[in-house]
Amino acid sequence: MNCLRRCWAEIDLDSIKYNIEQYRGYLKGGTQLLCVVKANCYGHSDKLVVPYLEKLGVKWFAVSNLIEAEHLRALGVDGEIIILGYSPEENADDLIKYNIIQACTEYAYAKKLSDSAKTGKVRLHAAIDTGMTRIGLHGDAASDADEIQKIMALENVTVEGMFTHYAVADCADNESIAYTKAQTEKILAVDEELKKRGVELSCVHFLNSAGGIYHSNEKSALARLGIILYGLYPDPSNPLPFEPKPVMTLKAVISQVKYIEKGTTVSYGRTYTADKRIKLATVTAGYADGFPRALSGKGEVIIKGVRCPIVGRICMDQFMCDVSALDDVQEGDIATLFGSEITADDIAKITGTIGYEVVCGIAERVPRIIV
């Protein structure tokens, strides 16, 4: 293993391939994949994952900001890259230089980009706020079409498409289903209004990870595949028609094994007291590696196929677990912190968050290794 054998994340490219193949089966018509690779591929490493996605035929990629977009170009990505977040107007020429599509929230922002651009035209996809209430044009179909045409009249921008983002596409209750349907109808109404005026946008898209499965629609040119790509659930309480395979497995080694007697306290704050003689292992990972401190006294890790409870508070770089159930555990053995058996979604449930945050929170100092 070409890394410091302390704490590392294994990235399973076969699982990425499987998740994509399964997901593609639910897309209708000519809908293409737009793989969301922001936040370093949700913590999985863009330099490992994105070149592999290109080998699988992915042509569209979504990022959060210009730094991420430039990094993809530096990796050799020649497909389409769309920034779903904000880019300052002073970076207009960088957007042009790197051939990046920028999400456009309103006319005032588009004008700033146009006024700042000196080397060509900034490519835009207009964001339509259909109910996420985050970014985008938020009038009726006619007023949104008016504003898009106003943007198109600016000198140094070109509007190639428009998109929206679902708020509750991962929810199965009737109210959420109706809300998602209304969001779809609103963006399609804007598209129809533009077509009536002779304006044909080349790329109208609205499906996200959950939308591509539960609300697939051939009128969406792209489906933004995010969390399912990495083998986690948009909403773990809502089953998918296939079982996604987690791509990341977080591992660490045991640095010491010892016995402690009844009444011995463990770690900061002495929050755990042994109620009998137990075998204790110290594992070389902590919250500075992104392993949540909120798992203290609640979580488990897997060692030699056995679930071992975490005892005491998780430290910055280490934590302790009870390995009394194991006869032959020793220094150098591997602990699996999460992966396919204990998933990031499982950890999220214990810590009161979502699987997205768990994988995105794995620290930069943790090496990512292809397996």
Protein backbone atom coordinates (compact mmCIF):
# COMPACT_ATOMS: atom_id res chain seq x y z
CA MET A 1 0.00 0.00 0.00
CA ASN A 2 1.63 3.21 -1.18
CA CYS A 3 0.48 5.42 1.68
CA LEU A 4 1.03 5.95 5.38
CA ARG A 5 -0.56 2.88 6.93
CA ARG A 6 -2.46 4.75 9.61
CA CYS A 7 -5.86 5.93 8.38
CA TRP A 8 -6.93 5.77 4.73
CA ALA A 9 -9.97 5.65 2.47
CA GLU A 10 -10.30 2.94 -0.15
CA ILE A 11 -12.15 4.01 -3.31
CA ASP A 12 -13.82 1.17 -5.20
CA LEU A 13 -14.14 2.12 -8.87
CA ASP A 14 -16.11 -1.03 -9.65
CA SER A 15 -18.84 0.25 -7.32
CA ILE A 16 -18.95 3.52 -9.25
CA LYS A 17 -19.43 1.57 -12.48
CA TYR A 18 -22.18 -0.53 -10.92
CA ASN A 19 -24.04 2.51 -9.54
CA ILE A 20 -23.90 4.28 -12.89
CA GLU A 21 -25.07 1.23 -14.82
CA GLN A 22 -28.01 0.76 -12.48
CA TYR A 23 -28.95 4.44 -12.51
CA ARG A 24 -28.81 4.74 -16.28
CA GLY A 25 -31.48 2.07 -16.51
CA TYR A 26 -34.05 4.47 -15.05
CA LEU A 27 -33.39 7.41 -17.38
CA LYS A 28 -35.80 7.98 -20.23
CA GLY A 29 -35.26 9.09 -23.81
CA GLY A 30 -31.97 10.79 -24.49
CA THR A 31 -31.33 12.03 -20.96
CA GLN A 32 -27.57 12.09 -20.34
CA LEU A 33 -25.63 11.85 -17.10
CA LEU A 34 -24.29 14.97 -15.45
CA CYS A 35 -22.05 13.63 -12.70
CA VAL A 36 -21.78 15.88 -9.67
CA VAL A 37 -18.10 15.92 -8.66
CA LYS A 38 -18.04 18.97 -6.41
CA ALA A 39 -16.36 18.91 -3.00
CA ASN A 40 -13.60 16.63 -4.30
CA CYS A 41 -16.20 14.12 -5.51
CA TYR A 42 -18.02 14.25 -2.18
CA GLY A 43 -14.73 13.52 -0.46
CA HIS A 44 -13.83 10.57 -2.72
CA SER A 45 -11.02 12.34 -4.69
CA ASP A 46 -11.72 13.92 -8.06
CA LYS A 47 -8.28 12.99 -9.39
CA LEU A 48 -9.15 9.31 -8.86
CA VAL A 49 -12.84 9.35 -9.77
CA VAL A 50 -13.25 11.83 -12.64
CA PRO A 51 -10.81 10.22 -15.11
CA TYR A 52 -12.60 6.93 -14.49
CA LEU A 53 -15.98 8.57 -15.15
CA GLU A 54 -14.63 9.79 -18.48
CA LYS A 55 -13.63 6.22 -19.33
CA LEU A 56 -17.23 5.23 -18.63
CA GLY A 57 -18.41 7.75 -21.20
CA VAL A 58 -19.52 10.62 -18.93
CA LYS A 59 -19.38 13.94 -20.81
CA TRP A 60 -20.92 16.35 -18.28
CA PHE A 61 -19.60 17.31 -14.84
CA ALA A 62 -20.97 19.65 -12.17
CA VAL A 63 -18.89 21.51 -9.59
CA SER A 64 -19.47 24.15 -6.95
CA ASN A 65 -17.00 26.86 -7.95
CA LEU A 66 -14.33 28.02 -10.36
CA ILE A 67 -11.43 26.52 -8.38
CA GLU A 68 -12.99 23.08 -8.69
CA ALA A 69 -13.67 23.66 -12.39
CA GLU A 70 -10.08 24.75 -13.09
CA HIS A 71 -8.85 21.69 -11.21
CA LEU A 72 -10.86 19.42 -13.51
CA ARG A 73 -9.35 21.10 -16.55
CA ALA A 74 -5.89 20.60 -15.01
CA LEU A 75 -6.73 16.90 -14.72
CA GLY A 76 -7.34 16.86 -18.47
CA VAL A 77 -11.13 16.87 -18.48
CA ASP A 78 -12.36 18.08 -21.86
CA GLY A 79 -16.08 17.48 -21.32
CA GLU A 80 -18.64 20.06 -20.29
CA ILE A 81 -18.28 21.55 -16.81
CA ILE A 82 -21.05 23.54 -15.16
CA ILE A 83 -20.61 25.58 -11.99
CA LEU A 84 -23.77 25.22 -9.92
CA GLY A 85 -22.65 27.88 -7.44
CA TYR A 86 -21.35 31.43 -7.62
CA SER A 87 -18.40 32.93 -9.51
CA PRO A 88 -17.44 36.59 -8.92
CA GLU A 89 -17.77 38.81 -11.96
CA GLU A 90 -14.03 39.57 -11.90
CA ASN A 91 -13.51 35.94 -12.93
CA ALA A 92 -15.59 36.23 -16.09
CA ASP A 93 -12.55 35.84 -18.35
CA ASP A 94 -11.47 32.75 -16.40
CA LEU A 95 -14.85 31.19 -17.16
CA ILE A 96 -14.21 31.93 -20.82
CA LYS A 97 -10.60 30.73 -20.72
CA TYR A 98 -11.51 27.36 -19.25
CA ASN A 99 -14.74 26.99 -21.26
CA ILE A 100 -16.94 26.70 -18.16
CA ILE A 101 -20.73 27.02 -18.01
CA GLN A 102 -21.84 29.30 -15.18
CA ALA A 103 -25.18 29.09 -13.37
CA CYS A 104 -26.95 32.42 -13.74
CA THR A 105 -29.28 33.53 -10.96
CA GLU A 106 -30.74 36.75 -12.39
CA TYR A 107 -30.28 39.56 -14.92
CA ALA A 108 -28.26 41.78 -12.56
CA TYR A 109 -25.66 39.04 -12.10
CA ALA A 110 -25.53 38.27 -15.82
CA LYS A 111 -24.94 41.95 -16.57
CA LYS A 112 -21.99 42.06 -14.18
CA LEU A 113 -20.46 39.06 -15.92
CA SER A 114 -21.09 40.60 -19.34
CA ASP A 115 -19.58 43.93 -18.34
CA SER A 116 -16.51 42.22 -16.90
CA ALA A 117 -15.86 39.84 -19.80
CA LYS A 118 -13.13 41.10 -22.16
CA THR A 119 -12.10 37.99 -24.09
CA GLY A 120 -15.35 36.49 -25.33
CA LYS A 121 -18.75 35.38 -24.14
CA VAL A 122 -19.52 33.70 -20.81
CA ARG A 123 -21.61 30.56 -21.23
CA LEU A 124 -24.66 30.50 -18.96
CA HIS A 125 -27.38 28.15 -17.79
CA ALA A 126 -30.20 30.16 -16.22
CA ALA A 127 -31.30 28.88 -12.81
CA ILE A 128 -35.06 28.75 -12.31
CA ASP A 129 -36.31 28.74 -8.72
CA THR A 130 -39.26 26.39 -8.90
CA GLY A 131 -39.53 25.76 -5.18
CA MET A 132 -36.09 25.11 -3.69
CA THR A 133 -35.96 28.83 -2.77
CA ARG A 134 -32.19 28.90 -3.07
CA ILE A 135 -31.13 30.56 -6.33
CA GLY A 136 -32.69 31.51 -9.62
CA LEU A 137 -35.44 33.41 -11.39
CA HIS A 138 -38.62 33.17 -9.35
CA GLY A 139 -41.46 34.74 -11.27
CA ASP A 140 -44.14 33.12 -13.39
CA ALA A 141 -43.38 31.55 -16.76
CA ALA A 142 -43.84 34.80 -18.69
CA SER A 143 -41.70 36.96 -16.40
CA ASP A 144 -38.94 34.34 -16.23
CA ALA A 145 -38.94 34.12 -20.03
CA ASP A 146 -38.76 37.93 -20.18
CA GLU A 147 -35.71 37.97 -17.92
CA ILE A 148 -33.97 35.19 -19.85
CA GLN A 149 -34.48 37.09 -23.10
CA LYS A 150 -33.15 40.21 -21.41
CA ILE A 151 -30.05 38.26 -20.36
CA MET A 152 -29.64 36.89 -23.88
CA ALA A 153 -29.52 40.44 -25.21
CA LEU A 154 -26.37 41.21 -23.19
CA GLU A 155 -23.23 41.54 -25.28
CA ASN A 156 -20.80 39.17 -23.62
CA VAL A 157 -22.90 36.25 -22.39
CA THR A 158 -24.72 33.43 -24.11
CA VAL A 159 -27.60 31.51 -22.54
CA GLU A 160 -27.38 27.88 -23.59
CA GLY A 161 -29.71 26.25 -21.12
CA MET A 162 -31.65 26.44 -17.90
CA PHE A 163 -32.11 24.21 -14.88
CA THR A 164 -33.82 23.86 -11.56
CA HIS A 165 -33.25 21.79 -8.43
CA TYR A 166 -35.80 19.60 -6.69
CA ALA A 167 -36.43 20.13 -2.99
CA VAL A 168 -38.15 16.85 -2.02
CA ALA A 169 -37.64 14.44 -4.92
CA ASP A 170 -36.26 11.90 -2.43
CA CYS A 171 -39.49 11.86 -0.39
CA ALA A 172 -42.27 9.37 -1.09
CA ASP A 173 -45.28 11.02 0.57
CA ASN A 174 -48.05 12.32 -1.68
CA GLU A 175 -47.46 15.97 -0.81
CA SER A 176 -43.79 15.75 -1.79
CA ILE A 177 -44.60 13.91 -5.01
CA ALA A 178 -47.08 16.63 -5.92
CA TYR A 179 -44.54 19.34 -5.04
CA THR A 180 -41.91 17.79 -7.28
CA LYS A 181 -44.42 17.47 -10.11
CA ALA A 182 -45.24 21.16 -9.74
CA GLN A 183 -41.54 22.04 -9.89
CA THR A 184 -41.20 20.09 -13.13
CA GLU A 185 -44.26 21.74 -14.62
CA LYS A 186 -42.95 25.21 -13.77
CA ILE A 187 -39.59 24.87 -15.53
CA LEU A 188 -41.24 23.21 -18.52
CA ALA A 189 -43.72 26.10 -18.64
CA VAL A 190 -40.81 28.54 -18.90
CA ASP A 191 -39.34 26.42 -21.69
CA GLU A 192 -42.67 26.38 -23.56
CA GLU A 193 -43.04 30.13 -23.16
CA LEU A 194 -39.58 30.67 -24.68
CA LYS A 195 -40.38 28.34 -27.56
CA LYS A 196 -43.52 30.34 -28.30
CA ARG A 197 -41.23 33.34 -28.67
CA GLY A 198 -38.86 31.48 -31.00
CA VAL A 199 -36.20 30.82 -28.35
CA GLU A 200 -34.95 27.23 -28.22
CA LEU A 201 -32.48 26.48 -25.43
CA SER A 202 -30.18 23.57 -26.16
CA CYS A 203 -30.10 22.13 -22.64
CA VAL A 204 -33.02 22.19 -20.20
CA HIS A 205 -32.45 19.96 -17.18
CA PHE A 206 -34.07 19.38 -13.81
CA LEU A 207 -33.46 15.82 -12.60
CA ASN A 208 -31.23 15.20 -9.59
CA SER A 209 -30.14 11.84 -8.12
CA ALA A 210 -33.53 11.02 -6.66
CA GLY A 211 -35.40 12.66 -9.52
CA GLY A 212 -33.76 10.44 -12.10
CA ILE A 213 -35.23 7.38 -10.39
CA TYR A 214 -38.53 8.52 -8.91
CA HIS A 215 -39.46 11.26 -11.41
CA SER A 216 -37.59 10.37 -14.61
CA ASN A 217 -38.63 12.57 -17.50
CA GLU A 218 -37.35 12.45 -21.08
CA LYS A 219 -37.73 16.23 -21.33
CA SER A 220 -34.76 16.67 -19.02
CA ALA A 221 -31.62 16.74 -21.15
CA LEU A 222 -29.46 15.84 -18.15
CA ALA A 223 -29.78 13.98 -14.88
CA ARG A 224 -27.49 15.26 -12.15
CA LEU A 225 -26.17 12.10 -10.52
CA GLY A 226 -24.77 12.97 -7.11
CA ILE A 227 -25.02 10.95 -3.93
CA ILE A 228 -26.17 7.72 -5.59
CA LEU A 229 -23.00 7.78 -7.70
CA TYR A 230 -21.04 7.31 -4.48
CA GLY A 231 -23.27 4.50 -3.22
CA LEU A 232 -25.34 6.34 -0.62
CA TYR A 233 -29.05 7.14 -0.41
CA PRO A 234 -30.63 10.55 -1.07
CA ASP A 235 -32.94 9.60 1.82
CA PRO A 236 -32.13 6.32 3.62
CA SER A 237 -35.76 6.04 4.77
CA ASN A 238 -36.93 5.88 1.15
CA PRO A 239 -35.77 2.66 -0.58
CA LEU A 240 -34.24 2.67 -4.03
CA PRO A 241 -35.15 0.08 -6.67
CA PHE A 242 -31.55 -1.13 -6.49
CA GLU A 243 -29.01 -1.32 -3.70
CA PRO A 244 -26.25 1.23 -4.38
CA LYS A 245 -22.75 0.07 -3.54
CA PRO A 246 -20.74 2.37 -1.25
CA VAL A 247 -17.61 3.56 -3.01
CA MET A 248 -15.60 4.67 0.03
CA THR A 249 -14.37 2.41 2.82
CA LEU A 250 -12.59 4.19 5.67
CA LYS A 251 -9.96 2.12 7.47
CA ALA A 252 -7.38 2.56 10.20
CA VAL A 253 -4.98 0.34 12.13
CA ILE A 254 -4.78 -0.63 15.75
CA SER A 255 -1.75 0.87 17.48
CA GLN A 256 -2.07 -0.86 20.84
CA VAL A 257 -4.08 -3.58 22.60
CA LYS A 258 -4.24 -3.88 26.39
CA TYR A 259 -6.45 -5.06 29.23
CA ILE A 260 -8.04 -2.61 31.61
CA GLU A 261 -9.60 -3.53 34.94
CA LYS A 262 -13.09 -2.91 36.25
CA GLY A 263 -13.50 0.71 37.32
CA THR A 264 -10.91 2.07 34.85
CA THR A 265 -12.02 5.19 32.99
CA VAL A 266 -11.27 5.85 29.33
CA SER A 267 -10.40 9.00 27.35
CA TYR A 268 -11.15 12.70 27.85
CA GLY A 269 -13.80 13.55 30.39
CA ARG A 270 -13.74 10.01 31.80
CA THR A 271 -17.16 9.44 30.24
CA TYR A 272 -16.70 5.66 30.12
CA THR A 273 -15.97 3.41 33.06
CA ALA A 274 -15.29 -0.28 32.52
CA ASP A 275 -17.86 -2.41 34.38
CA LYS A 276 -15.57 -5.45 34.17
CA ARG A 277 -12.12 -6.39 32.93
CA ILE A 278 -12.06 -5.70 29.17
CA LYS A 279 -9.64 -5.77 26.28
CA LEU A 280 -9.14 -2.29 24.82
CA ALA A 281 -7.75 -1.37 21.40
CA THR A 282 -6.56 2.05 20.32
CA VAL A 283 -7.38 2.89 16.68
CA THR A 284 -5.39 5.46 14.70
CA ALA A 285 -8.15 7.78 13.49
CA GLY A 286 -10.04 10.67 15.04
CA TYR A 287 -12.17 13.68 14.36
CA ALA A 288 -9.27 15.46 12.61
CA ASP A 289 -9.52 12.69 10.03
CA GLY A 290 -13.25 13.32 9.72
CA PHE A 291 -14.40 10.43 11.90
CA PRO A 292 -17.24 12.10 13.83
CA ARG A 293 -16.67 12.83 17.50
CA ALA A 294 -20.43 12.41 17.95
CA LEU A 295 -19.87 8.64 17.64
CA SER A 296 -18.20 8.66 21.06
CA GLY A 297 -19.78 5.92 23.14
CA LYS A 298 -22.33 5.23 20.41
CA GLY A 299 -20.63 3.90 17.29
CA GLU A 300 -19.00 0.63 16.35
CA VAL A 301 -16.15 -0.41 14.06
CA ILE A 302 -15.49 -3.74 12.42
CA ILE A 303 -12.36 -5.68 13.30
CA LYS A 304 -11.88 -9.17 11.85
CA GLY A 305 -15.55 -9.31 10.97
CA VAL A 306 -16.73 -8.45 14.49
CA ARG A 307 -18.52 -5.25 15.52
CA CYS A 308 -16.57 -3.62 18.33
CA PRO A 309 -18.12 -0.73 20.31
CA ILE A 310 -16.37 2.61 20.61
CA VAL A 311 -15.77 3.48 24.27
CA GLY A 312 -14.96 6.90 25.65
CA ARG A 313 -14.61 10.09 23.67
CA ILE A 314 -13.10 10.06 20.20
CA CYS A 315 -9.89 12.11 20.23
CA MET A 316 -8.43 14.24 17.48
CA ASP A 317 -6.27 11.45 16.04
CA GLN A 318 -7.22 8.29 17.96
CA PHE A 319 -10.09 6.49 19.66
CA MET A 320 -10.58 3.37 21.74
CA CYS A 321 -12.87 0.40 21.31
CA ASP A 322 -13.76 -2.70 23.26
CA VAL A 323 -12.30 -5.77 21.52
CA SER A 324 -13.03 -8.28 24.26
CA ALA A 325 -14.94 -10.41 21.75
CA LEU A 326 -11.75 -11.04 19.78
CA ASP A 327 -9.15 -13.60 20.86
CA ASP A 328 -6.31 -12.77 18.48
CA VAL A 329 -6.44 -9.01 17.93
CA GLN A 330 -3.10 -7.22 17.97
CA GLU A 331 -1.23 -4.08 16.97
CA GLY A 332 -1.30 -3.60 13.19
CA ASP A 333 -4.73 -5.20 12.66
CA ILE A 334 -7.17 -3.20 10.53
CA ALA A 335 -10.38 -1.59 11.76
CA THR A 336 -13.06 -0.72 9.21
CA LEU A 337 -14.73 2.50 10.32
CA PHE A 338 -17.37 2.54 7.61
CA GLY A 339 -17.98 1.00 4.20
CA SER A 340 -20.51 -1.57 3.05
CA GLU A 341 -21.46 -3.17 6.38
CA ILE A 342 -21.50 -0.08 8.56
CA THR A 343 -22.29 2.59 6.00
CA ALA A 344 -21.84 6.34 6.04
CA ASP A 345 -25.66 6.51 6.14
CA ASP A 346 -25.60 4.39 9.31
CA ILE A 347 -23.11 6.77 10.90
CA ALA A 348 -25.24 9.72 9.83
CA LYS A 349 -28.27 8.25 11.56
CA ILE A 350 -26.36 7.90 14.83
CA THR A 351 -24.87 11.40 14.66
CA GLY A 352 -28.00 13.22 13.46
CA THR A 353 -26.79 14.24 10.02
CA ILE A 354 -26.75 12.85 6.46
CA GLY A 355 -24.39 10.51 4.65
CA TYR A 356 -23.30 13.38 2.39
CA GLU A 357 -21.72 15.17 5.35
CA VAL A 358 -19.96 12.04 6.59
CA VAL A 359 -18.08 11.34 3.35
CA CYS A 360 -17.50 15.01 2.53
CA GLY A 361 -16.03 15.45 6.00
CA ILE A 362 -13.17 12.97 5.56
CA ALA A 363 -10.08 15.14 5.93
CA GLU A 364 -7.61 15.95 3.19
CA ARG A 365 -4.83 14.33 5.21
CA VAL A 366 -6.49 10.92 4.78
CA PRO A 367 -5.02 9.26 1.65
CA ARG A 368 -7.49 7.99 -0.96
CA ILE A 369 -6.49 4.65 -2.48
CA ILE A 370 -8.00 2.95 -5.54
CA VAL A 371 -8.99 -0.65 -4.93
